[in-house]
Protein backbone atom coordinates (compact mmCIF):
# COMPACT_ATOMS: atom_id res chain seq x y z
CA MET A 1 -92.32 95.54 -26.34
CA GLU A 2 -93.06 99.26 -25.85
CA ASN A 3 -89.94 99.56 -23.64
CA ARG A 4 -87.57 98.05 -26.19
CA PRO A 5 -86.45 101.43 -27.70
CA LYS A 6 -85.71 102.80 -24.24
CA PHE A 7 -83.80 99.66 -23.25
CA LEU A 8 -81.77 99.71 -26.46
CA LYS A 9 -80.94 103.42 -26.09
CA ASN A 10 -79.77 103.00 -22.48
CA MET A 11 -77.83 99.84 -23.27
CA LEU A 12 -75.95 101.45 -26.16
CA GLU A 13 -75.05 104.45 -24.00
CA LEU A 14 -73.74 102.20 -21.22
CA HIS A 15 -71.89 100.06 -23.75
CA ASP A 16 -70.23 103.11 -25.31
CA ASN A 17 -69.23 104.48 -21.91
CA TRP A 18 -67.66 101.12 -20.96
CA MET A 19 -65.66 100.96 -24.19
CA ARG A 20 -64.41 104.54 -23.77
CA ASP A 21 -63.62 104.39 -20.04
CA GLU A 22 -59.86 104.95 -19.65
CA GLN A 23 -59.59 102.81 -16.51
CA ILE A 24 -61.31 99.89 -18.22
CA ARG A 25 -59.19 100.33 -21.36
CA ALA A 26 -56.07 100.15 -19.22
CA ARG A 27 -57.19 96.97 -17.47
CA ILE A 28 -58.69 95.15 -20.48
CA VAL A 29 -56.49 96.24 -23.37
CA ASN A 30 -57.89 93.84 -25.96
CA GLU A 31 -60.87 95.49 -27.66
CA ARG A 32 -62.63 92.22 -28.48
CA VAL A 33 -62.49 91.01 -24.87
CA ARG A 34 -63.53 94.46 -23.65
CA PHE A 35 -66.51 94.43 -26.05
CA VAL A 36 -67.75 91.10 -24.67
CA TYR A 37 -67.79 92.41 -21.09
CA ALA A 38 -69.24 95.76 -22.17
CA THR A 39 -72.20 93.86 -23.61
CA SER A 40 -72.74 91.91 -20.38
CA TRP A 41 -72.51 95.05 -18.29
CA SER A 42 -74.69 97.30 -20.41
CA ALA A 43 -77.48 94.77 -21.04
CA PHE A 44 -77.79 93.77 -17.40
CA VAL A 45 -77.64 97.30 -15.97
CA ALA A 46 -79.95 98.80 -18.61
CA LEU A 47 -82.56 96.13 -17.88
CA SER A 48 -82.16 96.44 -14.11
CA ARG A 49 -82.69 100.20 -14.20
CA MET A 50 -85.99 99.76 -16.05
CA PHE A 51 -87.57 98.02 -13.07
CA GLU A 52 -88.51 100.67 -10.56
CA GLY A 53 -89.99 100.19 -7.13
CA ALA A 54 -89.02 97.53 -4.58
CA GLY A 55 -85.40 96.48 -4.88
CA ALA A 56 -84.40 99.21 -7.37
CA GLU A 57 -82.24 101.09 -4.88
CA GLU A 58 -80.55 97.90 -3.71
CA ARG A 59 -79.76 96.85 -7.28
CA ALA A 60 -78.35 100.31 -8.05
CA GLY A 61 -76.07 100.00 -5.04
CA MET A 62 -74.71 96.71 -6.35
CA GLU A 63 -73.72 98.09 -9.77
CA GLU A 64 -70.21 99.06 -8.72
CA ALA A 65 -69.50 95.61 -7.26
CA PHE A 66 -70.86 94.00 -10.42
CA ARG A 67 -68.63 96.24 -12.53
CA ASP A 68 -65.56 95.34 -10.46
CA ALA A 69 -66.35 91.62 -10.70
CA LEU A 70 -66.65 91.86 -14.49
CA LEU A 71 -63.34 93.71 -14.71
CA ILE A 72 -61.53 91.04 -12.71
CA HIS A 73 -63.08 88.30 -14.81
CA GLY A 74 -62.22 90.21 -17.99
CA GLU A 75 -58.60 90.59 -16.95
CA GLN A 76 -58.37 86.84 -16.34
CA ALA A 77 -60.03 86.12 -19.68
CA LEU A 78 -57.51 88.39 -21.37
CA GLU A 79 -54.64 86.50 -19.74
CA ASP A 80 -56.12 83.18 -20.88
CA VAL A 81 -56.58 84.39 -24.46
CA PHE A 82 -53.07 85.79 -24.59
CA SER A 83 -51.55 82.67 -23.05
CA GLU A 84 -53.33 80.30 -25.42
CA THR A 85 -52.50 82.41 -28.47
CA PHE A 86 -48.87 82.85 -27.54
CA LEU A 87 -48.25 79.22 -26.60
CA THR A 88 -49.93 77.93 -29.76
CA ARG A 89 -47.74 80.24 -31.83
CA PHE A 90 -44.64 79.28 -29.85
CA TRP A 91 -45.14 75.54 -30.36
CA SER A 92 -46.02 76.04 -34.03
CA ASP A 93 -42.77 77.96 -34.51
CA VAL A 94 -40.78 75.36 -32.58
CA MET A 95 -42.18 72.46 -34.61
CA SER A 96 -41.56 74.37 -37.83
CA GLY A 97 -38.01 75.10 -36.70
CA LEU A 98 -37.43 71.43 -35.95
CA GLN A 99 -38.63 70.40 -39.39
CA ARG A 100 -36.42 73.01 -41.07
CA GLY A 101 -33.37 72.19 -38.96
CA LYS A 102 -33.35 75.61 -37.28
CA ILE A 103 -34.02 74.11 -33.84
CA LYS A 104 -31.89 71.14 -32.84
CA SER A 105 -33.71 67.91 -32.04
CA ARG A 106 -30.98 66.89 -29.57
CA PHE A 107 -32.46 69.36 -27.08
CA PHE A 108 -35.56 67.13 -26.75
CA ASP A 109 -35.65 63.67 -25.21
CA VAL A 110 -38.75 61.43 -25.13
CA ARG A 111 -38.90 58.96 -22.23
CA HIS A 112 -41.27 56.90 -20.12
CA VAL A 113 -41.37 57.79 -16.44
CA GLN A 114 -43.28 57.25 -13.24
CA VAL A 115 -44.22 60.20 -11.04
CA VAL A 116 -43.00 59.23 -7.57
CA GLU A 117 -42.82 60.89 -4.18
CA ASP A 118 -42.74 64.70 -4.14
CA GLY A 119 -43.30 64.88 -7.89
CA CYS A 120 -39.92 63.44 -8.85
CA LEU A 121 -39.73 61.44 -12.08
CA LYS A 122 -38.29 57.93 -12.26
CA GLU A 123 -37.36 56.61 -15.68
CA VAL A 124 -39.02 53.28 -16.51
CA THR A 125 -39.86 51.10 -19.50
CA ALA A 126 -42.94 51.60 -21.65
CA GLY A 127 -45.69 49.33 -20.32
CA ASP A 128 -44.52 49.42 -16.71
CA ASP A 129 -47.15 50.17 -14.10
CA ASN A 130 -48.09 53.85 -13.99
CA ALA A 131 -45.64 54.68 -16.77
CA ILE A 132 -46.37 57.87 -18.71
CA LYS A 133 -44.75 59.13 -21.89
CA VAL A 134 -43.09 62.52 -21.53
CA CYS A 135 -40.68 64.77 -23.34
CA TYR A 136 -37.75 66.38 -21.54
CA ILE A 137 -36.82 69.78 -22.96
CA ALA A 138 -33.66 71.86 -22.54
CA PRO A 139 -35.49 75.22 -22.37
CA LYS A 140 -32.63 77.71 -22.68
CA SER A 141 -31.08 75.99 -25.70
CA ILE A 142 -34.44 75.60 -27.46
CA PHE A 143 -35.47 79.18 -26.73
CA ASP A 144 -32.18 80.51 -28.08
CA ASP A 145 -32.66 78.58 -31.35
CA TYR A 146 -36.32 79.64 -31.51
CA ALA A 147 -35.47 83.32 -30.97
CA GLN A 148 -32.67 83.22 -33.53
CA ASP A 149 -34.99 81.64 -36.09
CA LEU A 150 -37.60 84.36 -35.50
CA ARG A 151 -35.04 87.15 -35.82
CA SER A 152 -33.79 85.71 -39.10
CA ARG A 153 -37.35 86.27 -40.38
CA GLY A 154 -37.55 89.81 -39.02
CA GLU A 155 -39.57 88.88 -35.93
CA SER A 156 -38.83 88.68 -32.22
CA PRO A 157 -40.22 86.59 -29.33
CA PRO A 158 -43.28 88.26 -27.77
CA LEU A 159 -42.33 86.92 -24.31
CA ASP A 160 -39.05 86.04 -22.65
CA LEU A 161 -38.14 82.61 -21.30
CA ARG A 162 -39.40 83.35 -17.79
CA ASP A 163 -42.79 84.54 -19.07
CA LEU A 164 -43.04 81.48 -21.30
CA ARG A 165 -42.38 79.20 -18.34
CA ARG A 166 -45.06 80.95 -16.28
CA GLU A 167 -47.70 80.64 -19.00
CA MET A 168 -46.82 77.05 -19.84
CA GLY A 169 -47.10 76.10 -16.18
CA LYS A 170 -50.88 76.64 -16.47
CA GLU A 171 -51.27 74.05 -19.23
CA PRO A 172 -52.55 70.48 -18.66
CA TYR A 173 -49.52 68.96 -20.43
CA TRP A 174 -47.06 70.62 -18.04
CA ILE A 175 -45.37 68.24 -15.57
CA ALA A 176 -44.83 70.25 -12.40
CA ALA A 177 -41.38 70.36 -10.81
CA PRO A 178 -40.71 68.30 -7.66
CA THR A 179 -41.69 69.86 -4.36
CA ARG A 180 -38.37 68.95 -2.76
CA GLU A 181 -34.98 70.49 -3.46
CA PRO A 182 -33.67 71.37 -5.97
CA ARG A 183 -37.31 71.76 -7.13
CA VAL A 184 -36.47 71.21 -10.79
CA HIS A 185 -36.41 68.28 -13.20
CA ARG A 186 -32.89 67.33 -14.27
CA ALA A 187 -31.83 64.96 -17.02
CA ARG A 188 -28.87 64.26 -19.26
CA ILE A 189 -29.58 65.91 -22.61
CA ASN A 190 -27.07 66.49 -25.38
CA GLY A 191 -24.33 64.92 -23.26
CA SER A 192 -24.73 67.00 -20.12
CA LEU A 193 -26.94 67.06 -17.05
CA GLN A 194 -29.38 69.92 -17.45
CA THR A 195 -32.34 71.54 -15.76
CA CYS A 196 -35.33 70.61 -17.91
CA TRP A 197 -38.94 71.30 -18.58
CA VAL A 198 -41.09 68.19 -18.93
CA ILE A 199 -44.33 67.91 -20.90
CA SER A 200 -46.76 65.01 -21.07
CA LEU A 201 -47.33 63.17 -24.35
CA GLU A 202 -50.22 61.17 -22.90
CA ARG A 203 -53.88 61.23 -23.96
CA ASN A 204 -56.78 62.48 -21.89
CA GLY A 205 -60.01 60.63 -21.13
CA SER A 206 -61.50 61.45 -24.53
CA GLY A 207 -58.47 60.06 -26.35
CA SER A 208 -57.00 63.41 -27.38
CA HIS A 209 -53.42 64.34 -26.59
CA VAL A 210 -53.05 66.75 -23.69
CA PHE A 211 -50.18 68.34 -25.59
CA PRO A 212 -51.71 70.19 -28.56
CA PHE A 213 -49.18 68.85 -31.06
CA GLY A 214 -49.83 65.23 -30.16
CA GLU A 215 -46.96 62.88 -30.85
CA GLU A 216 -44.46 65.60 -31.55
CA PRO A 217 -41.64 66.14 -30.95
CA ARG A 218 -40.57 62.63 -32.01
CA THR A 219 -36.95 62.92 -31.03
CA ASN A 220 -34.57 60.63 -29.15
CA PRO A 221 -37.34 58.20 -28.03
CA ARG A 222 -36.54 55.76 -25.27
CA SER A 223 -38.41 52.61 -24.39
């Protein structure tokens, strides 16, 4: 108890130094995420430095490695936060655009498929063995409509199509492309054969949809 004021003083100094450090600010640009890791760093190091004697020198020598590990973890956390926020906003805008007629439903196609050798998709009938419900998406056409809708409201897409594809590829609803050439999913959408993205409309073990908007988009269903 008598050491609490000393601990608090040292922790606050370490916390302030972390938040002000230019290198850390450059690597973890979001202040809220940076604050979380500043708290972890400052509390642990302030407490460690209060224990003198055996092991103190060894712990002091490990501080830099601990700092580096927290920075790496913080950078990954920042990517995860940004990805989740952006993708949620993207799908919200897409669904809103669909409802308002600003994004064309013909660029989506709901089907039942089986995942076969090398990750290729074979179209089947609902109820067939290993059939899963998916939605094929014409990404360029949808992104163009989405971007145009945003610009009409004085906004612009925060990421381009390539960045969106990279972030979406981390999500559980994403159906990975085949591992054999041409290493893309292709399907006839809107009258032409197109390279597509494919997302799962299935449920997970707890009964929730793996795609955050559940049954949507309900367009061009096939049995």
